[in-house]
C-alpha atoms as a PDB file:
ATOM      1  CA  UNK A   1     101.292 103.523  96.084  1.00  0.00           C
ATOM      2  CA  UNK A   2     104.329 105.639  96.804  1.00  0.00           C
ATOM      3  CA  UNK A   3     104.878 109.364  96.812  1.00  0.00           C
ATOM      4  CA  UNK A   4     105.709 110.899  93.470  1.00  0.00           C
ATOM      5  CA  UNK A   5     109.336 111.191  92.400  1.00  0.00           C
ATOM      6  CA  UNK A   6     110.878 114.410  93.772  1.00  0.00           C
ATOM      7  CA  UNK A   7     111.076 117.167  91.166  1.00  0.00           C
ATOM      8  CA  UNK A   8     114.700 118.020  91.964  1.00  0.00           C
ATOM      9  CA  UNK A   9     117.726 116.513  93.644  1.00  0.00           C
ATOM     10  CA  UNK A  10     117.637 116.718  97.407  1.00  0.00           C
ATOM     11  CA  UNK A  11     119.782 115.894 100.413  1.00  0.00           C
ATOM     12  CA  UNK A  12     118.560 114.378 103.663  1.00  0.00           C
ATOM     13  CA  UNK A  13     119.138 116.810 106.550  1.00  0.00           C
ATOM     14  CA  UNK A  14     116.889 115.622 109.374  1.00  0.00           C
ATOM     15  CA  UNK A  15     114.962 112.511 110.393  1.00  0.00           C
ATOM     16  CA  UNK A  16     112.170 112.381 112.919  1.00  0.00           C
ATOM     17  CA  UNK A  17     111.106 108.856 113.782  1.00  0.00           C
ATOM     18  CA  UNK A  18     108.070 107.926 115.828  1.00  0.00           C
ATOM     19  CA  UNK A  19     107.383 104.407 117.021  1.00  0.00           C
ATOM     20  CA  UNK A  20     104.513 103.224 119.187  1.00  0.00           C
ATOM     21  CA  UNK A  21     104.207  99.707 120.491  1.00  0.00           C
ATOM     22  CA  UNK A  22     101.206  98.361 122.380  1.00  0.00           C
ATOM     23  CA  UNK A  23     101.548  95.574 124.925  1.00  0.00           C
ATOM     24  CA  UNK A  24      98.771  93.549 126.531  1.00  0.00           C
ATOM     25  CA  UNK A  25      99.801  92.948 130.133  1.00  0.00           C
ATOM     26  CA  UNK A  26      98.991  89.830 132.104  1.00  0.00           C
ATOM     27  CA  UNK A  27      97.146  91.970 134.670  1.00  0.00           C
ATOM     28  CA  UNK A  28      94.595  93.028 132.014  1.00  0.00           C
ATOM     29  CA  UNK A  29      96.031  96.513 131.491  1.00  0.00           C
ATOM     30  CA  UNK A  30      97.787  97.744 128.344  1.00  0.00           C
ATOM     31  CA  UNK A  31     101.057  99.661 127.954  1.00  0.00           C
ATOM     32  CA  UNK A  32     101.561 102.027 125.035  1.00  0.00           C
ATOM     33  CA  UNK A  33     105.282 102.710 124.654  1.00  0.00           C
ATOM     34  CA  UNK A  34     105.858 105.747 122.445  1.00  0.00           C
ATOM     35  CA  UNK A  35     109.320 106.770 121.236  1.00  0.00           C
ATOM     36  CA  UNK A  36     110.422 109.803 119.227  1.00  0.00           C
ATOM     37  CA  UNK A  37     113.865 110.650 117.881  1.00  0.00           C
ATOM     38  CA  UNK A  38     115.208 113.647 115.984  1.00  0.00           C
ATOM     39  CA  UNK A  39     118.529 113.149 114.207  1.00  0.00           C
ATOM     40  CA  UNK A  40     120.422 115.646 112.050  1.00  0.00           C
ATOM     41  CA  UNK A  41     122.768 114.378 109.352  1.00  0.00           C
ATOM     42  CA  UNK A  42     125.339 117.134 109.884  1.00  0.00           C
ATOM     43  CA  UNK A  43     126.910 118.461 113.061  1.00  0.00           C
ATOM     44  CA  UNK A  44     124.560 120.934 114.745  1.00  0.00           C
ATOM     45  CA  UNK A  45     125.703 123.828 116.894  1.00  0.00           C
ATOM     46  CA  UNK A  46     123.288 124.316 119.780  1.00  0.00           C
ATOM     47  CA  UNK A  47     123.491 126.895 122.561  1.00  0.00           C
ATOM     48  CA  UNK A  48     124.477 123.961 124.783  1.00  0.00           C
ATOM     49  CA  UNK A  49     127.284 122.859 122.469  1.00  0.00           C
ATOM     50  CA  UNK A  50     127.997 120.872 119.343  1.00  0.00           C
ATOM     51  CA  UNK A  51     125.842 117.821 118.599  1.00  0.00           C
ATOM     52  CA  UNK A  52     127.652 115.556 116.125  1.00  0.00           C
ATOM     53  CA  UNK A  53     125.704 114.496 113.034  1.00  0.00           C
ATOM     54  CA  UNK A  54     124.012 111.144 113.427  1.00  0.00           C
ATOM     55  CA  UNK A  55     123.504 111.535 117.178  1.00  0.00           C
ATOM     56  CA  UNK A  56     119.971 112.213 118.396  1.00  0.00           C
ATOM     57  CA  UNK A  57     119.003 115.722 119.411  1.00  0.00           C
ATOM     58  CA  UNK A  58     115.912 114.149 120.941  1.00  0.00           C
ATOM     59  CA  UNK A  59     115.502 110.577 122.123  1.00  0.00           C
ATOM     60  CA  UNK A  60     112.329 110.624 124.181  1.00  0.00           C
ATOM     61  CA  UNK A  61     110.035 107.945 125.589  1.00  0.00           C
ATOM     62  CA  UNK A  62     106.495 108.083 126.894  1.00  0.00           C
ATOM     63  CA  UNK A  63     104.679 105.093 128.365  1.00  0.00           C
ATOM     64  CA  UNK A  64     101.054 105.227 129.323  1.00  0.00           C
ATOM     65  CA  UNK A  65      99.211 102.359 130.916  1.00  0.00           C
ATOM     66  CA  UNK A  66      95.499 102.123 130.144  1.00  0.00           C
ATOM     67  CA  UNK A  67      92.620  99.939 131.217  1.00  0.00           C
ATOM     68  CA  UNK A  68      90.236  98.318 128.743  1.00  0.00           C
ATOM     69  CA  UNK A  69      88.111 101.489 128.669  1.00  0.00           C
ATOM     70  CA  UNK A  70      91.243 103.491 127.627  1.00  0.00           C
ATOM     71  CA  UNK A  71      91.528 105.377 130.898  1.00  0.00           C
ATOM     72  CA  UNK A  72      95.134 106.162 131.767  1.00  0.00           C
ATOM     73  CA  UNK A  73      96.139 104.556 135.061  1.00  0.00           C
ATOM     74  CA  UNK A  74      99.895 105.304 134.897  1.00  0.00           C
ATOM     75  CA  UNK A  75     102.221 107.504 132.851  1.00  0.00           C
ATOM     76  CA  UNK A  76     105.992 107.770 132.623  1.00  0.00           C
ATOM     77  CA  UNK A  77     108.270 109.948 130.474  1.00  0.00           C
ATOM     78  CA  UNK A  78     112.021 109.598 130.017  1.00  0.00           C
ATOM     79  CA  UNK A  79     114.468 111.716 128.018  1.00  0.00           C
ATOM     80  CA  UNK A  80     117.594 109.851 126.890  1.00  0.00           C
ATOM     81  CA  UNK A  81     118.911 112.628 124.619  1.00  0.00           C
ATOM     82  CA  UNK A  82     117.931 116.285 124.769  1.00  0.00           C
ATOM     83  CA  UNK A  83     119.435 119.582 123.609  1.00  0.00           C
ATOM     84  CA  UNK A  84     119.667 121.010 127.126  1.00  0.00           C
ATOM     85  CA  UNK A  85     120.784 118.285 129.517  1.00  0.00           C
ATOM     86  CA  UNK A  86     119.828 119.039 133.094  1.00  0.00           C
ATOM     87  CA  UNK A  87     116.834 121.067 131.950  1.00  0.00           C
ATOM     88  CA  UNK A  88     114.829 119.278 129.221  1.00  0.00           C
ATOM     89  CA  UNK A  89     115.227 115.921 130.916  1.00  0.00           C
ATOM     90  CA  UNK A  90     113.669 117.062 134.194  1.00  0.00           C
ATOM     91  CA  UNK A  91     110.092 117.289 132.846  1.00  0.00           C
ATOM     92  CA  UNK A  92     109.297 113.565 132.971  1.00  0.00           C
ATOM     93  CA  UNK A  93     107.315 113.617 136.236  1.00  0.00           C
ATOM     94  CA  UNK A  94     104.917 116.239 134.807  1.00  0.00           C
ATOM     95  CA  UNK A  95     103.446 113.542 132.551  1.00  0.00           C
ATOM     96  CA  UNK A  96     101.875 111.972 135.613  1.00  0.00           C
ATOM     97  CA  UNK A  97      99.183 114.602 134.944  1.00  0.00           C
ATOM     98  CA  UNK A  98      97.853 112.246 132.255  1.00  0.00           C
ATOM     99  CA  UNK A  99      96.628 109.757 134.864  1.00  0.00           C
ATOM    100  CA  UNK A 100      92.834 109.718 134.982  1.00  0.00           C
ATOM    101  CA  UNK A 101      92.345 110.987 131.420  1.00  0.00           C
ATOM    102  CA  UNK A 102      90.518 108.824 128.921  1.00  0.00           C
ATOM    103  CA  UNK A 103      92.025 108.549 125.437  1.00  0.00           C
ATOM    104  CA  UNK A 104      88.583 108.670 123.817  1.00  0.00           C
ATOM    105  CA  UNK A 105      86.970 111.494 125.791  1.00  0.00           C
ATOM    106  CA  UNK A 106      88.510 114.927 125.342  1.00  0.00           C
ATOM    107  CA  UNK A 107      92.053 113.610 125.668  1.00  0.00           C
ATOM    108  CA  UNK A 108      93.789 116.032 123.301  1.00  0.00           C
ATOM    109  CA  UNK A 109      92.039 119.028 124.840  1.00  0.00           C
ATOM    110  CA  UNK A 110      92.976 117.959 128.378  1.00  0.00           C
ATOM    111  CA  UNK A 111      96.528 117.094 127.285  1.00  0.00           C
ATOM    112  CA  UNK A 112      97.026 120.623 126.002  1.00  0.00           C
ATOM    113  CA  UNK A 113      95.381 122.151 129.070  1.00  0.00           C
ATOM    114  CA  UNK A 114      97.730 120.246 131.371  1.00  0.00           C
ATOM    115  CA  UNK A 115     101.012 120.011 129.456  1.00  0.00           C
ATOM    116  CA  UNK A 116     101.171 122.672 126.730  1.00  0.00           C
ATOM    117  CA  UNK A 117     103.903 125.301 126.675  1.00  0.00           C
ATOM    118  CA  UNK A 118     106.212 125.446 129.670  1.00  0.00           C
ATOM    119  CA  UNK A 119     104.125 122.894 131.606  1.00  0.00           C
ATOM    120  CA  UNK A 120     105.567 120.091 129.459  1.00  0.00           C
ATOM    121  CA  UNK A 121     107.972 119.152 126.693  1.00  0.00           C
ATOM    122  CA  UNK A 122     106.780 120.170 123.219  1.00  0.00           C
ATOM    123  CA  UNK A 123     107.950 116.881 121.702  1.00  0.00           C
ATOM    124  CA  UNK A 124     106.530 114.584 124.391  1.00  0.00           C
ATOM    125  CA  UNK A 125     103.216 116.430 124.302  1.00  0.00           C
ATOM    126  CA  UNK A 126     103.063 116.138 120.490  1.00  0.00           C
ATOM    127  CA  UNK A 127     103.891 112.440 120.808  1.00  0.00           C
ATOM    128  CA  UNK A 128     101.076 111.957 123.321  1.00  0.00           C
ATOM    129  CA  UNK A 129      98.561 113.435 120.865  1.00  0.00           C
ATOM    130  CA  UNK A 130      98.768 110.394 118.590  1.00  0.00           C
ATOM    131  CA  UNK A 131      98.202 107.842 121.352  1.00  0.00           C
ATOM    132  CA  UNK A 132      94.387 107.675 121.010  1.00  0.00           C
ATOM    133  CA  UNK A 133      94.476 106.355 117.438  1.00  0.00           C
ATOM    134  CA  UNK A 134      97.367 104.014 118.266  1.00  0.00           C
ATOM    135  CA  UNK A 135      95.332 102.589 121.145  1.00  0.00           C
ATOM    136  CA  UNK A 136      92.301 102.084 118.914  1.00  0.00           C
ATOM    137  CA  UNK A 137      94.460 100.155 116.443  1.00  0.00           C
ATOM    138  CA  UNK A 138      95.868  98.051 119.278  1.00  0.00           C
ATOM    139  CA  UNK A 139      92.430  97.288 120.707  1.00  0.00           C
ATOM    140  CA  UNK A 140      90.824  96.508 117.320  1.00  0.00           C
ATOM    141  CA  UNK A 141      90.104  92.785 117.107  1.00  0.00           C
ATOM    142  CA  UNK A 142      91.936  92.199 120.387  1.00  0.00           C
ATOM    143  CA  UNK A 143      89.734  94.019 122.895  1.00  0.00           C
ATOM    144  CA  UNK A 144      86.997  95.350 120.603  1.00  0.00           C
ATOM    145  CA  UNK A 145      85.516  93.196 117.828  1.00  0.00           C
ATOM    146  CA  UNK A 146      85.642  94.898 114.431  1.00  0.00           C
ATOM    147  CA  UNK A 147      83.525  92.332 112.587  1.00  0.00           C
ATOM    148  CA  UNK A 148      85.794  92.655 109.555  1.00  0.00           C
ATOM    149  CA  UNK A 149      85.645  88.967 108.766  1.00  0.00           C
ATOM    150  CA  UNK A 150      82.958  87.567 106.481  1.00  0.00           C
ATOM    151  CA  UNK A 151      82.626  84.664 108.928  1.00  0.00           C
ATOM    152  CA  UNK A 152      82.280  86.840 112.033  1.00  0.00           C
ATOM    153  CA  UNK A 153      79.134  86.814 114.092  1.00  0.00           C
ATOM    154  CA  UNK A 154      76.961  89.724 113.080  1.00  0.00           C
ATOM    155  CA  UNK A 155      77.064  92.501 115.677  1.00  0.00           C
ATOM    156  CA  UNK A 156      74.006  93.652 117.571  1.00  0.00           C
ATOM    157  CA  UNK A 157      75.548  97.077 118.161  1.00  0.00           C
ATOM    158  CA  UNK A 158      77.087  99.386 115.566  1.00  0.00           C
ATOM    159  CA  UNK A 159      80.815  98.508 115.215  1.00  0.00           C
ATOM    160  CA  UNK A 160      82.955 101.150 116.930  1.00  0.00           C
ATOM    161  CA  UNK A 161      84.960 102.039 113.818  1.00  0.00           C
ATOM    162  CA  UNK A 162      81.990 103.134 111.701  1.00  0.00           C
ATOM    163  CA  UNK A 163      81.690 106.898 111.131  1.00  0.00           C
ATOM    164  CA  UNK A 164      85.201 107.423 112.528  1.00  0.00           C
ATOM    165  CA  UNK A 165      86.893 108.007 109.145  1.00  0.00           C
ATOM    166  CA  UNK A 166      86.183 108.858 105.505  1.00  0.00           C
ATOM    167  CA  UNK A 167      86.213 105.264 104.237  1.00  0.00           C
ATOM    168  CA  UNK A 168      83.955 103.899 106.975  1.00  0.00           C
ATOM    169  CA  UNK A 169      81.239 106.526 106.869  1.00  0.00           C
ATOM    170  CA  UNK A 170      77.840 104.866 107.065  1.00  0.00           C
ATOM    171  CA  UNK A 171      76.626 106.611 103.906  1.00  0.00           C
ATOM    172  CA  UNK A 172      79.581 105.314 101.878  1.00  0.00           C
ATOM    173  CA  UNK A 173      80.469 102.389  99.671  1.00  0.00           C
ATOM    174  CA  UNK A 174      82.760 100.531 102.094  1.00  0.00           C
ATOM    175  CA  UNK A 175      80.027 100.286 104.714  1.00  0.00           C
ATOM    176  CA  UNK A 176      77.480  99.288 102.056  1.00  0.00           C
ATOM    177  CA  UNK A 177      79.806  96.488 100.922  1.00  0.00           C
ATOM    178  CA  UNK A 178      81.325  95.261 104.191  1.00  0.00           C
ATOM    179  CA  UNK A 179      78.765  96.316 106.829  1.00  0.00           C
ATOM    180  CA  UNK A 180      75.458  96.388 104.916  1.00  0.00           C
ATOM    181  CA  UNK A 181      73.388  96.174 108.091  1.00  0.00           C
ATOM    182  CA  UNK A 182      74.772  99.552 109.195  1.00  0.00           C
ATOM    183  CA  UNK A 183      74.556 101.498 105.953  1.00  0.00           C
ATOM    184  CA  UNK A 184      72.733 104.806 106.467  1.00  0.00           C
ATOM    185  CA  UNK A 185      69.388 105.015 104.746  1.00  0.00           C
ATOM    186  CA  UNK A 186      68.668 108.272 102.963  1.00  0.00           C
ATOM    187  CA  UNK A 187      65.386 110.069 103.579  1.00  0.00           C
ATOM    188  CA  UNK A 188      64.282 108.997 100.076  1.00  0.00           C
ATOM    189  CA  UNK A 189      64.674 105.251 100.789  1.00  0.00           C
ATOM    190  CA  UNK A 190      63.686 105.182 104.450  1.00  0.00           C
END
């Protein structure tokens, strides 16, 4: 399904692209490489000078290295294109403050506490906020069994993904169909 057809003619002015790639390392750790770009179609006059259309205003990278429990053991940030060269691109080392945080335990709260506002880069901090769900997707069926296959061994513990989203709520139809052992029993049927 696609979005509906726009109701009027429109012209592209700005593109923000976000890409996250997850890599299993031979040492047992995982790297999540996150990349964000902002590109204007037309020339943009900034306080720091003219940025020609088609050239990135932001071209930022964030790599976190996590263990199999999703605890961050290393973090690195790099700014290849920024609006204020010599200023924006000096914040990278601050992202070392992510080391020790766990992506599944209060990560977004701690991220904001450590790197919000002038303590970090708005764009890198926003990019970091989506890393927990990207890590879960990377770990699903690679580190954590999801038991999505009809031929999979039945789990003895509730699969991690249940009750984490609308479709996989234990009182819903998807769980009743695909994970019948874990469907929530109502008080009337219990």
